[in-house]
Amino acid sequence: MIHHKEAIQDKAFDNNNGEKVFYTEDCYGFVNTINTKPFTARYEAHKKYLDLFYCMEGIEEVIVTPSINKKIIESYIEEKDIYFLEAPQDIKITLQKGDYIILFPEDGHAPGIGDRSLLKKLVLKIKILL
């Protein structure tokens, strides 16, 4: 997991509205505008892609836990590269405008956590090449 500030420009995605933008066949992104939600002990995890979340507006808490030895509550869906885990709250990272976090496949994560406030973020999906 990597967390940093001021390294990504948000201009290219300002008016994206959820439509996927492909850079290459192994990297795409989209803007996600949501209301944050309370934590529910449900984490998502991936096998083929890492996630990069860049906070464009608002505040987002991302709860992160190692995906190893966690209870799987929804099996892997290959076409979406996602499965879901259940675990108690672990590491909480708070992202504000200009912050980003990179989450690797071993990082189970609960994104979009907060007080139901508006959040606009860029999500990049980058394929892990082995």
Protein backbone atom coordinates (compact mmCIF):
# COMPACT_ATOMS: atom_id res chain seq x y z
CA MET A 1 0.00 0.00 0.00
CA ILE A 2 1.34 3.44 -0.93
CA HIS A 3 -0.20 6.76 0.10
CA HIS A 4 0.99 10.12 -1.26
CA LYS A 5 -0.07 13.69 -2.03
CA GLU A 6 0.22 16.12 -4.97
CA ALA A 7 1.44 13.66 -7.61
CA ILE A 8 -1.58 13.25 -9.91
CA GLN A 9 -3.35 15.89 -11.98
CA ASP A 10 -7.14 15.61 -12.10
CA LYS A 11 -7.79 17.71 -15.25
CA ALA A 12 -8.13 14.81 -17.73
CA PHE A 13 -10.94 13.20 -15.74
CA ASP A 14 -12.93 16.24 -14.57
CA ASN A 15 -16.00 15.44 -16.70
CA ASN A 16 -15.60 11.66 -16.98
CA ASN A 17 -18.82 10.67 -15.09
CA GLY A 18 -17.99 6.98 -14.62
CA GLU A 19 -17.03 6.17 -18.22
CA LYS A 20 -13.93 3.98 -18.49
CA VAL A 21 -10.93 5.59 -20.16
CA PHE A 22 -8.36 3.07 -21.42
CA TYR A 23 -4.70 4.07 -21.55
CA THR A 24 -3.59 0.61 -22.64
CA GLU A 25 -5.29 -2.79 -22.50
CA ASP A 26 -3.67 -3.20 -19.05
CA CYS A 27 -4.62 0.19 -17.54
CA TYR A 28 -7.90 2.05 -17.39
CA GLY A 29 -9.57 4.62 -15.19
CA PHE A 30 -12.87 6.29 -14.39
CA VAL A 31 -14.25 8.95 -12.08
CA ASN A 32 -16.53 7.75 -9.30
CA THR A 33 -18.86 10.31 -7.67
CA ILE A 34 -20.62 8.87 -4.62
CA ASN A 35 -21.81 9.62 -1.12
CA THR A 36 -19.54 8.01 1.43
CA LYS A 37 -20.98 5.31 3.71
CA PRO A 38 -20.37 3.81 7.17
CA PHE A 39 -17.95 0.88 7.52
CA THR A 40 -19.66 -2.54 7.43
CA ALA A 41 -16.73 -5.02 7.84
CA ARG A 42 -16.95 -5.90 4.11
CA TYR A 43 -13.73 -5.60 2.11
CA GLU A 44 -13.07 -6.05 -1.59
CA ALA A 45 -9.92 -7.62 -2.99
CA HIS A 46 -8.49 -8.33 -6.44
CA LYS A 47 -6.17 -10.84 -8.08
CA LYS A 48 -5.15 -9.28 -11.43
CA TYR A 49 -5.30 -5.49 -10.95
CA LEU A 50 -4.07 -3.00 -8.42
CA ASP A 51 -6.23 0.00 -7.56
CA LEU A 52 -5.13 3.61 -7.41
CA PHE A 53 -7.65 5.95 -5.78
CA TYR A 54 -7.08 9.71 -6.20
CA CYS A 55 -9.31 12.03 -4.19
CA MET A 56 -10.58 14.87 -6.40
CA GLU A 57 -13.19 16.33 -4.00
CA GLY A 58 -14.34 15.50 -0.49
CA ILE A 59 -12.86 13.20 2.15
CA GLU A 60 -12.67 9.41 1.89
CA GLU A 61 -11.64 6.87 4.46
CA VAL A 62 -10.25 3.63 3.06
CA ILE A 63 -10.04 0.76 5.54
CA VAL A 64 -7.26 -1.69 4.60
CA THR A 65 -6.53 -5.20 5.87
CA PRO A 66 -4.29 -8.01 4.54
CA SER A 67 -6.47 -10.33 2.45
CA ILE A 68 -4.60 -13.46 3.61
CA ASN A 69 -6.53 -15.70 6.04
CA LYS A 70 -9.71 -13.60 5.94
CA LYS A 71 -13.22 -15.03 5.63
CA ILE A 72 -14.34 -14.94 1.98
CA ILE A 73 -18.02 -13.94 1.84
CA GLU A 74 -18.36 -13.73 -1.97
CA SER A 75 -16.29 -15.87 -4.29
CA TYR A 76 -14.00 -14.46 -6.97
CA ILE A 77 -15.75 -13.07 -10.07
CA GLU A 78 -13.10 -13.30 -12.78
CA GLU A 79 -14.68 -10.89 -15.31
CA LYS A 80 -14.78 -8.16 -12.63
CA ASP A 81 -11.54 -9.22 -10.88
CA ILE A 82 -13.15 -8.96 -7.47
CA TYR A 83 -14.03 -10.98 -4.40
CA PHE A 84 -15.26 -9.92 -0.97
CA LEU A 85 -13.93 -10.55 2.53
CA GLU A 86 -15.24 -10.05 6.03
CA ALA A 87 -12.96 -8.78 8.80
CA PRO A 88 -12.98 -6.28 11.67
CA GLN A 89 -11.79 -2.74 11.05
CA ASP A 90 -8.04 -2.58 10.54
CA ILE A 91 -5.89 0.26 9.17
CA LYS A 92 -7.79 3.47 8.36
CA ILE A 93 -6.33 5.84 5.76
CA THR A 94 -7.97 9.25 5.28
CA LEU A 95 -7.74 10.79 1.81
CA GLN A 96 -8.40 14.48 1.17
CA LYS A 97 -8.32 16.39 -2.13
CA GLY A 98 -4.98 15.70 -3.81
CA ASP A 99 -4.19 12.51 -1.85
CA TYR A 100 -3.91 9.09 -3.43
CA ILE A 101 -3.46 5.50 -2.34
CA ILE A 102 -2.25 2.45 -4.28
CA LEU A 103 -3.74 -0.87 -3.20
CA PHE A 104 -2.12 -4.13 -4.26
CA PRO A 105 -3.95 -7.48 -4.63
CA GLU A 106 -2.93 -8.52 -1.11
CA ASP A 107 -4.60 -5.36 0.31
CA GLY A 108 -8.22 -6.07 1.16
CA HIS A 109 -9.92 -2.68 1.19
CA ALA A 110 -13.21 -1.03 2.09
CA PRO A 111 -13.35 2.18 0.01
CA GLY A 112 -15.80 5.07 0.16
CA ILE A 113 -16.11 5.13 3.95
CA GLY A 114 -17.27 8.34 5.64
CA ASP A 115 -20.17 10.39 6.96
CA ARG A 116 -22.37 10.16 3.84
CA SER A 117 -20.73 13.26 2.32
CA LEU A 118 -20.05 13.79 -1.39
CA LEU A 119 -16.87 12.20 -2.73
CA LYS A 120 -15.39 12.49 -6.23
CA LYS A 121 -12.43 10.26 -6.94
CA LEU A 122 -10.42 8.93 -9.83
CA VAL A 123 -10.05 5.14 -9.86
CA LEU A 124 -7.22 3.67 -11.92
CA LYS A 125 -7.04 -0.11 -12.48
CA ILE A 126 -3.56 -1.29 -13.43
CA LYS A 127 -2.97 -4.93 -14.39
CA ILE A 128 -0.26 -6.75 -12.49
CA LEU A 129 2.07 -8.25 -15.09
CA LEU A 130 3.84 -11.39 -13.87
